[in-house]
Amino acid sequence: MRVLPCLVLLLATAGIAPAGTSSLPGGLQDALAARALLGGGIWARPVRIDNSGARGILGGSAYPRVVYALVFELSGVLWLYTDSDGTQSLSLTHGTVARDEADPGPLFRAIDPGFASWSWVDDAPGDWHVPTRNPPNACFVESVSALLRRMDAGIEAESPRLLSFYVGTPRARGHTVLLFGTRGGLSAIDPESSDEPIRLPAYLGVNPRAISAYLRGGPVAAARTLPIQCAGKSPASDRWAALPSRPAPAG
């Protein structure tokens, strides 16, 4: 259930801190930027993770000694966003969100055994400058954000879901877009390209791999969809559906 880094990386828009202020660490800036994209209707908390197995001369963990990340809830599962690895599932099972939120430590260690200790990050002090930036590897988060903007505007989008597709092995590269239905058929939004919907041909049906290949313009190794259910976020109209929190199988 892992979602790997996006195919196309977004360039961070680094702001310049005013004189007399301190900048937040880059990873924390990206975690906060991702939280801003999700808005206030989705439970999300930035976290600092201390990595005892950080990479060195003899190898070790793929993560740095200090990892800043964002933990958020979507479709009955906790997810973890980092600027280096994008978004991946944090929860190991469905229906355990409350327990996972209370003690995510074992879940962090399941991602990397070096993640020995962690702490939630409080809001940045007033004298720390947080520049406006587009967080890298955030296609999953940006696709959710695109849906939330449509919800707030009351624009038609039935049965919304995320489509994640993967290219290459052994370390597959992944990308996520938003799928939703309209009166005219199925559409997609790839926020890294445009907020304008892409009308999908009817012959593709609802097959994740066929849709992914169409959007990518070439074959994909695997694809799967995740129905979106935002805890605490009410649909803007009857055209919205709260879907079961269970990923659909890839085609």
C-alpha atoms as a PDB file:
ATOM      1  CA  MET A   1       0.000   0.000   0.000  1.00  0.00           C
ATOM      2  CA  ARG A   2       3.042   2.256  -0.371  1.00  0.00           C
ATOM      3  CA  VAL A   3       2.893   5.277  -2.672  1.00  0.00           C
ATOM      4  CA  LEU A   4       6.379   6.045  -3.908  1.00  0.00           C
ATOM      5  CA  PRO A   5       7.896   9.369  -5.001  1.00  0.00           C
ATOM      6  CA  CYS A   6       6.323  11.285  -7.856  1.00  0.00           C
ATOM      7  CA  LEU A   7       7.679  10.976 -11.375  1.00  0.00           C
ATOM      8  CA  VAL A   8       7.928  14.733 -11.823  1.00  0.00           C
ATOM      9  CA  LEU A   9       9.473  16.616  -8.913  1.00  0.00           C
ATOM     10  CA  LEU A  10       8.225  20.081  -8.056  1.00  0.00           C
ATOM     11  CA  LEU A  11      10.890  22.714  -7.569  1.00  0.00           C
ATOM     12  CA  ALA A  12      10.724  24.275  -4.133  1.00  0.00           C
ATOM     13  CA  THR A  13      10.075  28.001  -4.251  1.00  0.00           C
ATOM     14  CA  ALA A  14      12.540  29.146  -1.632  1.00  0.00           C
ATOM     15  CA  GLY A  15      11.656  32.434   0.008  1.00  0.00           C
ATOM     16  CA  ILE A  16      14.182  34.854   1.460  1.00  0.00           C
ATOM     17  CA  ALA A  17      13.940  35.280   5.203  1.00  0.00           C
ATOM     18  CA  PRO A  18      13.605  38.870   6.404  1.00  0.00           C
ATOM     19  CA  ALA A  19      16.523  40.261   8.381  1.00  0.00           C
ATOM     20  CA  GLY A  20      16.554  39.106  11.986  1.00  0.00           C
ATOM     21  CA  THR A  21      14.548  35.924  11.416  1.00  0.00           C
ATOM     22  CA  SER A  22      15.520  32.262  11.226  1.00  0.00           C
ATOM     23  CA  SER A  23      14.447  29.830   8.559  1.00  0.00           C
ATOM     24  CA  LEU A  24      12.886  26.512   9.400  1.00  0.00           C
ATOM     25  CA  PRO A  25      14.683  23.357   8.249  1.00  0.00           C
ATOM     26  CA  GLY A  26      13.811  22.541   4.633  1.00  0.00           C
ATOM     27  CA  GLY A  27      12.056  19.273   5.435  1.00  0.00           C
ATOM     28  CA  LEU A  28       9.889  20.994   8.032  1.00  0.00           C
ATOM     29  CA  GLN A  29       9.035  23.788   5.602  1.00  0.00           C
ATOM     30  CA  ASP A  30       7.850  21.169   3.116  1.00  0.00           C
ATOM     31  CA  ALA A  31       5.827  19.339   5.780  1.00  0.00           C
ATOM     32  CA  LEU A  32       4.117  22.591   6.761  1.00  0.00           C
ATOM     33  CA  ALA A  33       3.501  23.451   3.104  1.00  0.00           C
ATOM     34  CA  ALA A  34       1.890  20.033   2.604  1.00  0.00           C
ATOM     35  CA  ARG A  35      -0.305  20.609   5.652  1.00  0.00           C
ATOM     36  CA  ALA A  36      -1.421  23.935   4.193  1.00  0.00           C
ATOM     37  CA  LEU A  37      -2.409  22.177   0.955  1.00  0.00           C
ATOM     38  CA  LEU A  38      -4.644  19.791   2.914  1.00  0.00           C
ATOM     39  CA  GLY A  39      -6.409  22.654   4.686  1.00  0.00           C
ATOM     40  CA  GLY A  40      -8.162  22.508   8.037  1.00  0.00           C
ATOM     41  CA  GLY A  41     -10.646  19.759   7.219  1.00  0.00           C
ATOM     42  CA  ILE A  42      -8.142  16.900   7.317  1.00  0.00           C
ATOM     43  CA  TRP A  43      -6.313  15.788  10.463  1.00  0.00           C
ATOM     44  CA  ALA A  44      -2.613  16.435   9.872  1.00  0.00           C
ATOM     45  CA  ARG A  45       0.376  16.957  12.168  1.00  0.00           C
ATOM     46  CA  PRO A  46       4.042  17.617  11.383  1.00  0.00           C
ATOM     47  CA  VAL A  47       6.497  15.303  13.112  1.00  0.00           C
ATOM     48  CA  ARG A  48      10.232  15.150  13.790  1.00  0.00           C
ATOM     49  CA  ILE A  49      11.787  11.696  13.619  1.00  0.00           C
ATOM     50  CA  ASP A  50      15.310  11.015  14.879  1.00  0.00           C
ATOM     51  CA  ASN A  51      17.046   8.372  12.796  1.00  0.00           C
ATOM     52  CA  SER A  52      19.690   6.344  14.626  1.00  0.00           C
ATOM     53  CA  GLY A  53      20.600   4.481  11.439  1.00  0.00           C
ATOM     54  CA  ALA A  54      21.281   7.512   9.248  1.00  0.00           C
ATOM     55  CA  ARG A  55      23.404   6.943   6.182  1.00  0.00           C
ATOM     56  CA  GLY A  56      27.143   7.296   6.506  1.00  0.00           C
ATOM     57  CA  ILE A  57      30.403   6.109   4.966  1.00  0.00           C
ATOM     58  CA  LEU A  58      29.431   2.471   5.426  1.00  0.00           C
ATOM     59  CA  GLY A  59      25.879   2.967   4.195  1.00  0.00           C
ATOM     60  CA  GLY A  60      22.857   2.588   6.429  1.00  0.00           C
ATOM     61  CA  SER A  61      19.421   4.161   6.255  1.00  0.00           C
ATOM     62  CA  ALA A  62      18.289   6.011   3.141  1.00  0.00           C
ATOM     63  CA  TYR A  63      16.975   8.789   5.393  1.00  0.00           C
ATOM     64  CA  PRO A  64      18.979  11.603   7.049  1.00  0.00           C
ATOM     65  CA  ARG A  65      19.646  11.754  10.779  1.00  0.00           C
ATOM     66  CA  VAL A  66      16.688  14.085  11.371  1.00  0.00           C
ATOM     67  CA  VAL A  67      13.555  13.574   9.303  1.00  0.00           C
ATOM     68  CA  TYR A  68      10.710  16.073   9.231  1.00  0.00           C
ATOM     69  CA  ALA A  69       7.449  14.711   7.875  1.00  0.00           C
ATOM     70  CA  LEU A  70       3.690  15.190   7.833  1.00  0.00           C
ATOM     71  CA  VAL A  71       1.303  12.570   9.215  1.00  0.00           C
ATOM     72  CA  PHE A  72      -2.278  12.887   7.947  1.00  0.00           C
ATOM     73  CA  GLU A  73      -5.497  10.892   7.804  1.00  0.00           C
ATOM     74  CA  LEU A  74      -7.293   9.973   4.601  1.00  0.00           C
ATOM     75  CA  SER A  75      -9.801   7.218   3.848  1.00  0.00           C
ATOM     76  CA  GLY A  76      -9.441   5.588   7.240  1.00  0.00           C
ATOM     77  CA  VAL A  77      -5.647   5.311   7.019  1.00  0.00           C
ATOM     78  CA  LEU A  78      -2.718   7.393   8.262  1.00  0.00           C
ATOM     79  CA  TRP A  79      -0.238   8.553   5.619  1.00  0.00           C
ATOM     80  CA  LEU A  80       3.307   9.894   5.852  1.00  0.00           C
ATOM     81  CA  TYR A  81       4.661  12.628   3.569  1.00  0.00           C
ATOM     82  CA  THR A  82       8.372  13.471   3.373  1.00  0.00           C
ATOM     83  CA  ASP A  83      10.054  15.762   0.886  1.00  0.00           C
ATOM     84  CA  SER A  84      12.435  12.982  -0.201  1.00  0.00           C
ATOM     85  CA  ASP A  85      10.051  10.013  -0.544  1.00  0.00           C
ATOM     86  CA  GLY A  86       6.682  11.584  -1.251  1.00  0.00           C
ATOM     87  CA  THR A  87       3.633   9.957   0.375  1.00  0.00           C
ATOM     88  CA  GLN A  88       3.344   6.410   1.641  1.00  0.00           C
ATOM     89  CA  SER A  89       0.862   4.622   3.848  1.00  0.00           C
ATOM     90  CA  LEU A  90       1.751   4.701   7.532  1.00  0.00           C
ATOM     91  CA  SER A  91      -1.056   2.578   8.985  1.00  0.00           C
ATOM     92  CA  LEU A  92      -0.526  -1.159   8.560  1.00  0.00           C
ATOM     93  CA  THR A  93      -4.227  -2.014   8.886  1.00  0.00           C
ATOM     94  CA  HIS A  94      -7.585  -0.323   8.357  1.00  0.00           C
ATOM     95  CA  GLY A  95      -9.794   0.646  11.271  1.00  0.00           C
ATOM     96  CA  THR A  96      -6.937   1.487  13.631  1.00  0.00           C
ATOM     97  CA  VAL A  97      -6.585   5.234  13.017  1.00  0.00           C
ATOM     98  CA  ALA A  98      -7.250   6.300  16.622  1.00  0.00           C
ATOM     99  CA  ARG A  99      -4.651   3.852  17.930  1.00  0.00           C
ATOM    100  CA  ASP A 100      -2.184   4.808  15.206  1.00  0.00           C
ATOM    101  CA  GLU A 101      -2.558   8.522  15.947  1.00  0.00           C
ATOM    102  CA  ALA A 102      -1.956   7.907  19.648  1.00  0.00           C
ATOM    103  CA  ASP A 103       1.233   5.896  19.115  1.00  0.00           C
ATOM    104  CA  PRO A 104       2.736   6.047  15.600  1.00  0.00           C
ATOM    105  CA  GLY A 105       6.200   5.027  16.820  1.00  0.00           C
ATOM    106  CA  PRO A 106       5.947   1.361  15.772  1.00  0.00           C
ATOM    107  CA  LEU A 107       4.631   2.475  12.371  1.00  0.00           C
ATOM    108  CA  PHE A 108       7.637   4.753  11.846  1.00  0.00           C
ATOM    109  CA  ARG A 109       9.974   1.864  12.702  1.00  0.00           C
ATOM    110  CA  ALA A 110       8.156  -0.344  10.189  1.00  0.00           C
ATOM    111  CA  ILE A 111       9.228   2.153   7.505  1.00  0.00           C
ATOM    112  CA  ASP A 112      12.814   2.311   8.769  1.00  0.00           C
ATOM    113  CA  PRO A 113      14.163   0.475  11.839  1.00  0.00           C
ATOM    114  CA  GLY A 114      16.432   3.433  12.538  1.00  0.00           C
ATOM    115  CA  PHE A 115      13.444   5.645  13.369  1.00  0.00           C
ATOM    116  CA  ALA A 116      14.063   5.208  17.095  1.00  0.00           C
ATOM    117  CA  SER A 117      12.384   8.317  18.520  1.00  0.00           C
ATOM    118  CA  TRP A 118       9.934  10.952  17.408  1.00  0.00           C
ATOM    119  CA  SER A 119       7.959  13.994  18.581  1.00  0.00           C
ATOM    120  CA  TRP A 120       5.115  16.083  17.210  1.00  0.00           C
ATOM    121  CA  VAL A 121       6.275  19.504  15.994  1.00  0.00           C
ATOM    122  CA  ASP A 122       4.507  22.498  17.480  1.00  0.00           C
ATOM    123  CA  ASP A 123       3.674  25.484  15.305  1.00  0.00           C
ATOM    124  CA  ALA A 124       6.713  27.483  14.288  1.00  0.00           C
ATOM    125  CA  PRO A 125       7.792  30.314  16.600  1.00  0.00           C
ATOM    126  CA  GLY A 126       6.824  33.768  15.432  1.00  0.00           C
ATOM    127  CA  ASP A 127      10.418  34.721  14.618  1.00  0.00           C
ATOM    128  CA  TRP A 128      10.887  31.721  12.293  1.00  0.00           C
ATOM    129  CA  HIS A 129      10.189  32.525   8.683  1.00  0.00           C
ATOM    130  CA  VAL A 130       8.133  29.973   6.718  1.00  0.00           C
ATOM    131  CA  PRO A 131       8.355  30.847   3.002  1.00  0.00           C
ATOM    132  CA  THR A 132       5.629  30.007   0.539  1.00  0.00           C
ATOM    133  CA  ARG A 133       6.788  26.957  -1.385  1.00  0.00           C
ATOM    134  CA  ASN A 134       5.579  24.045  -3.472  1.00  0.00           C
ATOM    135  CA  PRO A 135       6.682  20.920  -1.602  1.00  0.00           C
ATOM    136  CA  PRO A 136       8.565  18.371  -3.740  1.00  0.00           C
ATOM    137  CA  ASN A 137       7.226  14.867  -4.370  1.00  0.00           C
ATOM    138  CA  ALA A 138       3.776  16.011  -3.259  1.00  0.00           C
ATOM    139  CA  CYS A 139       1.612  14.712  -6.125  1.00  0.00           C
ATOM    140  CA  PHE A 140      -0.501  12.618  -3.697  1.00  0.00           C
ATOM    141  CA  VAL A 141      -1.128  15.585  -1.378  1.00  0.00           C
ATOM    142  CA  GLU A 142      -1.714  17.987  -4.279  1.00  0.00           C
ATOM    143  CA  SER A 143      -4.282  15.629  -5.809  1.00  0.00           C
ATOM    144  CA  VAL A 144      -6.215  15.630  -2.525  1.00  0.00           C
ATOM    145  CA  SER A 145      -5.898  19.410  -2.414  1.00  0.00           C
ATOM    146  CA  ALA A 146      -7.302  19.672  -5.956  1.00  0.00           C
ATOM    147  CA  LEU A 147     -10.337  17.678  -4.848  1.00  0.00           C
ATOM    148  CA  LEU A 148     -10.849  19.848  -1.761  1.00  0.00           C
ATOM    149  CA  ARG A 149     -10.814  22.983  -3.916  1.00  0.00           C
ATOM    150  CA  ARG A 150     -13.528  21.500  -6.109  1.00  0.00           C
ATOM    151  CA  MET A 151     -15.512  20.553  -3.005  1.00  0.00           C
ATOM    152  CA  ASP A 152     -15.285  24.083  -1.642  1.00  0.00           C
ATOM    153  CA  ALA A 153     -16.425  25.484  -4.997  1.00  0.00           C
ATOM    154  CA  GLY A 154     -19.300  22.980  -5.283  1.00  0.00           C
ATOM    155  CA  ILE A 155     -18.035  21.742  -8.652  1.00  0.00           C
ATOM    156  CA  GLU A 156     -19.230  18.365  -9.850  1.00  0.00           C
ATOM    157  CA  ALA A 157     -16.983  15.429  -8.953  1.00  0.00           C
ATOM    158  CA  GLU A 158     -18.597  12.075  -8.305  1.00  0.00           C
ATOM    159  CA  SER A 159     -16.898   9.086  -6.653  1.00  0.00           C
ATOM    160  CA  PRO A 160     -13.514  10.834  -6.258  1.00  0.00           C
ATOM    161  CA  ARG A 161     -10.452   8.637  -5.978  1.00  0.00           C
ATOM    162  CA  LEU A 162      -6.705   8.789  -6.292  1.00  0.00           C
ATOM    163  CA  LEU A 163      -4.967   6.901  -9.078  1.00  0.00           C
ATOM    164  CA  SER A 164      -1.352   5.949  -8.356  1.00  0.00           C
ATOM    165  CA  PHE A 165       0.744   4.371 -11.070  1.00  0.00           C
ATOM    166  CA  TYR A 166       4.285   3.053 -11.069  1.00  0.00           C
ATOM    167  CA  VAL A 167       7.014   2.880 -13.678  1.00  0.00           C
ATOM    168  CA  GLY A 168      10.048   0.634 -13.545  1.00  0.00           C
ATOM    169  CA  THR A 169      11.652  -1.742 -11.085  1.00  0.00           C
ATOM    170  CA  PRO A 170      13.276  -2.638  -8.730  1.00  0.00           C
ATOM    171  CA  ARG A 171      12.615   0.737  -7.052  1.00  0.00           C
ATOM    172  CA  ALA A 172       9.461   1.812  -8.804  1.00  0.00           C
ATOM    173  CA  ARG A 173       8.793   5.475  -9.337  1.00  0.00           C
ATOM    174  CA  GLY A 174       5.226   6.484  -8.683  1.00  0.00           C
ATOM    175  CA  HIS A 175       2.880   9.306  -9.569  1.00  0.00           C
ATOM    176  CA  THR A 176      -0.615  10.123  -8.298  1.00  0.00           C
ATOM    177  CA  VAL A 177      -3.496  11.977  -9.976  1.00  0.00           C
ATOM    178  CA  LEU A 178      -7.127  12.659  -9.099  1.00  0.00           C
ATOM    179  CA  LEU A 179      -9.994  10.801 -10.782  1.00  0.00           C
ATOM    180  CA  PHE A 180     -13.677  11.737 -10.551  1.00  0.00           C
ATOM    181  CA  GLY A 181     -16.895  11.350 -12.457  1.00  0.00           C
ATOM    182  CA  THR A 182     -19.007  14.027 -14.140  1.00  0.00           C
ATOM    183  CA  ARG A 183     -22.147  13.981 -16.268  1.00  0.00           C
ATOM    184  CA  GLY A 184     -19.848  13.742 -19.287  1.00  0.00           C
ATOM    185  CA  GLY A 185     -17.885  10.762 -17.990  1.00  0.00           C
ATOM    186  CA  LEU A 186     -14.668  10.140 -16.104  1.00  0.00           C
ATOM    187  CA  SER A 187     -12.106  12.935 -15.758  1.00  0.00           C
ATOM    188  CA  ALA A 188      -8.626  13.291 -14.263  1.00  0.00           C
ATOM    189  CA  ILE A 189      -6.601  16.138 -12.801  1.00  0.00           C
ATOM    190  CA  ASP A 190      -2.818  16.024 -12.624  1.00  0.00           C
ATOM    191  CA  PRO A 191      -2.028  19.013 -10.353  1.00  0.00           C
ATOM    192  CA  GLU A 192       1.618  19.008 -11.391  1.00  0.00           C
ATOM    193  CA  SER A 193       0.505  19.877 -14.920  1.00  0.00           C
ATOM    194  CA  SER A 194      -2.736  21.837 -14.550  1.00  0.00           C
ATOM    195  CA  ASP A 195      -5.906  22.171 -12.500  1.00  0.00           C
ATOM    196  CA  GLU A 196      -7.905  21.765 -15.700  1.00  0.00           C
ATOM    197  CA  PRO A 197      -9.687  18.377 -15.888  1.00  0.00           C
ATOM    198  CA  ILE A 198      -8.641  15.886 -18.547  1.00  0.00           C
ATOM    199  CA  ARG A 199     -11.657  14.147 -20.116  1.00  0.00           C
ATOM    200  CA  LEU A 200     -10.895  10.429 -20.350  1.00  0.00           C
ATOM    201  CA  PRO A 201     -12.131   8.434 -23.373  1.00  0.00           C
ATOM    202  CA  ALA A 202     -14.987   6.063 -22.576  1.00  0.00           C
ATOM    203  CA  TYR A 203     -13.121   3.091 -24.074  1.00  0.00           C
ATOM    204  CA  LEU A 204     -10.682   3.161 -21.138  1.00  0.00           C
ATOM    205  CA  GLY A 205     -13.472   2.173 -18.786  1.00  0.00           C
ATOM    206  CA  VAL A 206     -12.382   2.201 -15.144  1.00  0.00           C
ATOM    207  CA  ASN A 207      -9.264   0.068 -15.583  1.00  0.00           C
ATOM    208  CA  PRO A 208      -6.462   1.733 -13.557  1.00  0.00           C
ATOM    209  CA  ARG A 209      -3.614   0.533 -15.777  1.00  0.00           C
ATOM    210  CA  ALA A 210      -5.356   1.570 -18.990  1.00  0.00           C
ATOM    211  CA  ILE A 211      -6.104   5.027 -17.601  1.00  0.00           C
ATOM    212  CA  SER A 212      -2.556   5.382 -16.271  1.00  0.00           C
ATOM    213  CA  ALA A 213      -1.005   4.410 -19.607  1.00  0.00           C
ATOM    214  CA  TYR A 214      -3.245   6.938 -21.374  1.00  0.00           C
ATOM    215  CA  LEU A 215      -2.275   9.741 -18.995  1.00  0.00           C
ATOM    216  CA  ARG A 216       1.433   8.882 -19.054  1.00  0.00           C
ATOM    217  CA  GLY A 217       1.568   8.264 -22.778  1.00  0.00           C
ATOM    218  CA  GLY A 218       3.270   4.911 -22.308  1.00  0.00           C
ATOM    219  CA  PRO A 219       3.127   1.632 -20.397  1.00  0.00           C
ATOM    220  CA  VAL A 220       3.126   1.436 -16.600  1.00  0.00           C
ATOM    221  CA  ALA A 221       4.308  -1.387 -14.349  1.00  0.00           C
ATOM    222  CA  ALA A 222       1.349  -1.244 -11.949  1.00  0.00           C
ATOM    223  CA  ALA A 223      -1.569   0.963 -10.969  1.00  0.00           C
ATOM    224  CA  ARG A 224      -4.187   1.135  -8.238  1.00  0.00           C
ATOM    225  CA  THR A 225      -6.917   3.443  -6.996  1.00  0.00           C
ATOM    226  CA  LEU A 226      -7.841   4.713  -3.542  1.00  0.00           C
ATOM    227  CA  PRO A 227     -11.407   5.971  -2.923  1.00  0.00           C
ATOM    228  CA  ILE A 228     -11.219   9.273  -1.065  1.00  0.00           C
ATOM    229  CA  GLN A 229     -12.961   9.756   2.239  1.00  0.00           C
ATOM    230  CA  CYS A 230     -11.879  12.859   4.124  1.00  0.00           C
ATOM    231  CA  ALA A 231     -12.477  12.652   7.867  1.00  0.00           C
ATOM    232  CA  GLY A 232     -14.146  15.819   9.123  1.00  0.00           C
ATOM    233  CA  LYS A 233     -14.742  17.193   5.618  1.00  0.00           C
ATOM    234  CA  SER A 234     -18.362  17.415   4.565  1.00  0.00           C
ATOM    235  CA  PRO A 235     -19.355  17.096   0.913  1.00  0.00           C
ATOM    236  CA  ALA A 236     -20.268  20.376  -0.728  1.00  0.00           C
ATOM    237  CA  SER A 237     -23.391  18.887  -2.291  1.00  0.00           C
ATOM    238  CA  ASP A 238     -25.230  15.652  -2.970  1.00  0.00           C
ATOM    239  CA  ARG A 239     -22.952  15.103  -5.955  1.00  0.00           C
ATOM    240  CA  TRP A 240     -20.217  14.083  -3.540  1.00  0.00           C
ATOM    241  CA  ALA A 241     -19.960  10.549  -2.224  1.00  0.00           C
ATOM    242  CA  ALA A 242     -18.162   9.326   0.888  1.00  0.00           C
ATOM    243  CA  LEU A 243     -16.647   6.078  -0.330  1.00  0.00           C
ATOM    244  CA  PRO A 244     -15.481   3.002   1.579  1.00  0.00           C
ATOM    245  CA  SER A 245     -11.961   3.312   2.951  1.00  0.00           C
ATOM    246  CA  ARG A 246     -10.620   0.320   1.049  1.00  0.00           C
ATOM    247  CA  PRO A 247      -8.293   0.621  -1.958  1.00  0.00           C
ATOM    248  CA  ALA A 248      -9.644  -0.873  -5.157  1.00  0.00           C
ATOM    249  CA  PRO A 249      -7.438  -3.551  -6.755  1.00  0.00           C
ATOM    250  CA  ALA A 250      -5.200  -2.505  -9.592  1.00  0.00           C
ATOM    251  CA  GLY A 251      -6.259  -3.661 -13.007  1.00  0.00           C
END
